[in-house]
Protein backbone atom coordinates (compact mmCIF):
# COMPACT_ATOMS: atom_id res chain seq x y z
CA MET A 1 -156.50 118.50 108.44
CA ASN A 2 -154.41 115.49 107.13
CA GLN A 3 -156.81 112.45 106.07
CA TYR A 4 -154.43 110.02 107.82
CA ARG A 5 -154.14 111.85 111.08
CA THR A 6 -157.42 110.48 112.82
CA THR A 7 -157.59 107.11 111.26
CA VAL A 8 -153.92 105.86 111.28
CA GLN A 9 -153.37 103.64 114.35
CA ARG A 10 -151.16 100.68 113.12
CA ILE A 11 -149.23 100.77 110.00
CA LEU A 12 -147.06 98.02 108.38
CA ALA A 13 -144.02 99.37 106.69
CA ILE A 14 -142.14 96.83 104.41
CA ASP A 15 -138.79 96.91 102.81
CA PRO A 16 -138.09 94.30 100.15
CA THR A 17 -134.66 92.93 99.68
CA SER A 18 -132.77 90.26 97.58
CA ARG A 19 -133.49 87.78 100.29
CA GLY A 20 -136.90 88.41 101.07
CA PHE A 21 -138.31 91.63 103.12
CA GLY A 22 -137.76 93.27 106.43
CA TYR A 23 -141.13 94.91 108.11
CA ALA A 24 -141.80 97.19 111.06
CA VAL A 25 -145.14 97.44 112.59
CA PHE A 26 -146.19 100.83 114.60
CA GLU A 27 -149.00 101.32 116.84
CA GLY A 28 -148.56 105.16 116.23
CA PRO A 29 -145.29 107.21 116.13
CA GLU A 30 -144.35 106.05 119.93
CA LEU A 31 -144.76 102.35 119.67
CA LEU A 32 -142.98 99.90 117.56
CA ILE A 33 -144.89 96.68 118.23
CA ASP A 34 -143.24 94.27 115.88
CA TRP A 35 -140.41 94.09 113.44
CA GLY A 36 -138.19 91.52 111.58
CA LEU A 37 -137.21 89.55 108.38
CA ARG A 38 -138.84 87.16 106.31
CA VAL A 39 -136.64 85.17 103.86
CA ALA A 40 -137.59 83.37 100.66
CA TYR A 41 -135.41 81.35 98.64
CA LYS A 42 -137.61 80.09 95.61
CA ASP A 43 -140.40 81.50 94.15
CA LYS A 44 -139.59 84.97 95.94
CA TYR A 45 -142.75 86.96 94.65
CA ASN A 46 -145.29 84.67 95.61
CA VAL A 47 -143.75 83.62 98.94
CA CYS A 48 -143.26 87.12 99.88
CA LEU A 49 -146.68 88.05 98.97
CA ARG A 50 -147.93 85.27 101.14
CA ARG A 51 -145.84 86.36 104.00
CA VAL A 52 -146.82 90.01 103.66
CA THR A 53 -150.50 88.63 103.67
CA ARG A 54 -149.87 86.84 107.00
CA LEU A 55 -148.55 89.95 108.43
CA ILE A 56 -151.62 92.10 107.36
CA GLU A 57 -154.01 89.31 108.79
CA GLN A 58 -151.91 89.31 111.98
CA TYR A 59 -151.71 93.14 112.63
CA ASP A 60 -154.75 94.39 110.44
CA PRO A 61 -153.00 97.82 109.80
CA GLN A 62 -154.86 100.82 108.59
CA VAL A 63 -151.86 101.65 106.15
CA ILE A 64 -149.16 99.69 104.64
CA VAL A 65 -145.96 101.74 103.80
CA ILE A 66 -143.37 100.94 100.92
CA GLU A 67 -140.85 102.71 99.00
CA ASP A 68 -141.81 104.76 96.18
CA THR A 69 -139.78 103.38 93.14
CA ARG A 70 -140.90 105.69 90.78
CA ALA A 71 -138.92 108.53 92.23
CA LYS A 72 -135.85 109.54 90.06
CA ASN A 73 -133.15 108.20 92.61
CA SER A 74 -134.72 104.76 93.02
CA ARG A 75 -132.29 102.09 92.18
CA ARG A 76 -134.35 98.89 92.82
CA CYS A 77 -134.17 96.02 90.57
CA LYS A 78 -137.07 95.04 88.50
CA ARG A 79 -138.09 91.87 90.69
CA VAL A 80 -138.29 94.30 93.71
CA GLN A 81 -140.43 96.77 91.99
CA GLU A 82 -142.73 94.02 90.83
CA LEU A 83 -142.98 92.96 94.29
CA LEU A 84 -143.62 96.40 95.60
CA ASN A 85 -146.34 96.61 92.92
CA GLY A 86 -147.74 93.36 94.08
CA ILE A 87 -148.11 94.56 97.69
CA VAL A 88 -149.89 97.59 96.41
CA GLN A 89 -152.36 95.35 94.52
CA LEU A 90 -152.57 93.20 97.55
CA GLY A 91 -153.50 96.25 99.64
CA LYS A 92 -156.16 97.28 97.37
CA GLY A 93 -157.64 93.95 96.88
CA LYS A 94 -157.73 93.59 100.80
CA GLY A 95 -159.05 97.20 101.32
CA PHE A 96 -156.12 98.93 102.81
CA ARG A 97 -154.47 102.22 102.05
CA THR A 98 -150.88 101.80 100.59
CA LYS A 99 -148.64 105.07 101.09
CA LEU A 100 -145.48 105.22 98.83
CA ILE A 101 -142.60 107.11 100.48
CA ALA A 102 -139.59 108.04 98.42
CA SER A 103 -135.99 107.84 99.66
CA PRO A 104 -135.50 111.60 99.72
CA GLN A 105 -138.41 112.12 101.88
CA VAL A 106 -137.03 109.43 104.50
CA LYS A 107 -133.78 111.25 104.46
CA LYS A 108 -135.37 114.74 105.11
CA THR A 109 -137.20 113.21 107.89
CA PHE A 110 -133.91 112.17 109.54
CA ALA A 111 -132.09 115.47 108.47
CA ASP A 112 -132.77 117.28 111.71
CA SER A 113 -131.38 114.55 113.69
CA GLY A 114 -128.00 114.82 111.72
CA ALA A 115 -128.54 111.55 110.05
CA SER A 116 -127.96 111.32 106.31
CA THR A 117 -126.55 107.57 105.86
CA LYS A 118 -128.50 104.46 106.20
CA GLU A 119 -126.27 103.76 109.06
CA GLU A 120 -126.74 106.90 110.73
CA ILE A 121 -130.69 106.67 110.51
CA ALA A 122 -130.38 103.12 111.87
CA GLY A 123 -128.52 104.73 115.03
CA VAL A 124 -131.44 107.21 115.47
CA LEU A 125 -134.01 104.69 115.26
CA SER A 126 -132.35 102.48 117.71
CA ALA A 127 -132.00 105.38 120.07
CA ARG A 128 -135.74 106.04 119.65
CA TYR A 129 -136.81 102.37 119.79
CA PRO A 130 -134.25 100.61 121.98
CA GLU A 131 -135.59 97.36 121.25
CA LEU A 132 -134.01 97.58 117.79
CA LEU A 133 -130.71 97.94 119.31
CA GLN A 134 -129.97 94.38 119.38
CA HIS A 135 -130.45 94.30 115.62
CA LEU A 136 -128.15 97.10 114.67
CA PRO A 137 -125.58 95.65 112.44
CA PRO A 138 -121.90 96.78 112.90
CA HIS A 139 -120.34 99.44 110.95
CA ARG A 140 -119.88 98.48 107.46
CA LYS A 141 -116.52 98.66 105.60
CA CYS A 142 -116.57 99.71 101.88
CA TRP A 143 -115.92 96.15 100.71
CA MET A 144 -118.62 94.59 102.68
CA SER A 145 -122.04 93.82 101.55
CA GLU A 146 -125.00 95.42 103.34
CA ASP A 147 -125.98 93.43 106.34
CA VAL A 148 -129.55 91.90 105.88
CA ARG A 149 -130.68 93.28 109.00
CA MET A 150 -130.46 96.82 107.85
CA SER A 151 -133.96 95.98 106.04
CA ILE A 152 -135.57 95.92 109.31
CA PHE A 153 -134.10 99.68 109.77
CA ASP A 154 -135.00 100.61 106.27
CA ALA A 155 -138.71 99.65 106.88
CA ALA A 156 -138.62 101.29 110.33
CA ALA A 157 -137.34 104.41 108.68
CA LEU A 158 -140.16 104.24 105.90
CA GLY A 159 -142.80 103.86 108.58
CA TYR A 160 -141.28 106.61 110.83
CA ALA A 161 -141.20 108.96 107.86
CA PHE A 162 -144.75 108.30 107.08
CA LEU A 163 -145.83 108.73 110.75
CA ASN A 164 -143.64 112.10 111.05
CA SER A 165 -145.45 113.43 107.87
CA LEU A 166 -148.77 113.13 109.85
CA GLU A 167 -147.70 115.66 112.50
C-alpha cells in the first residue's frame, strides 16, 4: 500500500516563477481549498521562503509538492532551483514531507484527458475545479510572454499529479 494513501489529506503545491510563486492547496483529490500568486520584488529568495512558511503555518499540509528540477528536461534557472531547494530544506526543518514531481509525470497524468500543453492542462484543471476558471489566461500567441496566472495552474497540475499517483 502506498505510504501516502492513508496519511495525505492536505497538500500544498508550489510553482516558483520569475516574479514569486503560484500555489494550490488540496484537501484530497476532489477539493481545491485555496490557490493564488505571491509576488516578490526584492530579495526574492527570502521573501518567497517567508511566504511559503506562512502558507505552511496557515494550512498545515501533510505534503509539500514541487517540481523536480533534477529531471533531464528541467529548464529552471539557478535562482528558481535554489528556491526549490530552500523549500525542501524548509519542509525538512518543519517536519513536512516534500514530494518532487518531474514535468513528464505531470504530462503523463493529463495524457488521458488529451492534454499535452500547459494551456490544455490548465483547461482540464478549470473543468475539474471550476473555481479556477476565472484565473484561466487567454490563449497565448507565440510572441507573448506567459501570463503570470499560469503558475497557479502549474502548481495545481503538480498537486493533481501527486494526488493522482496515490490512486
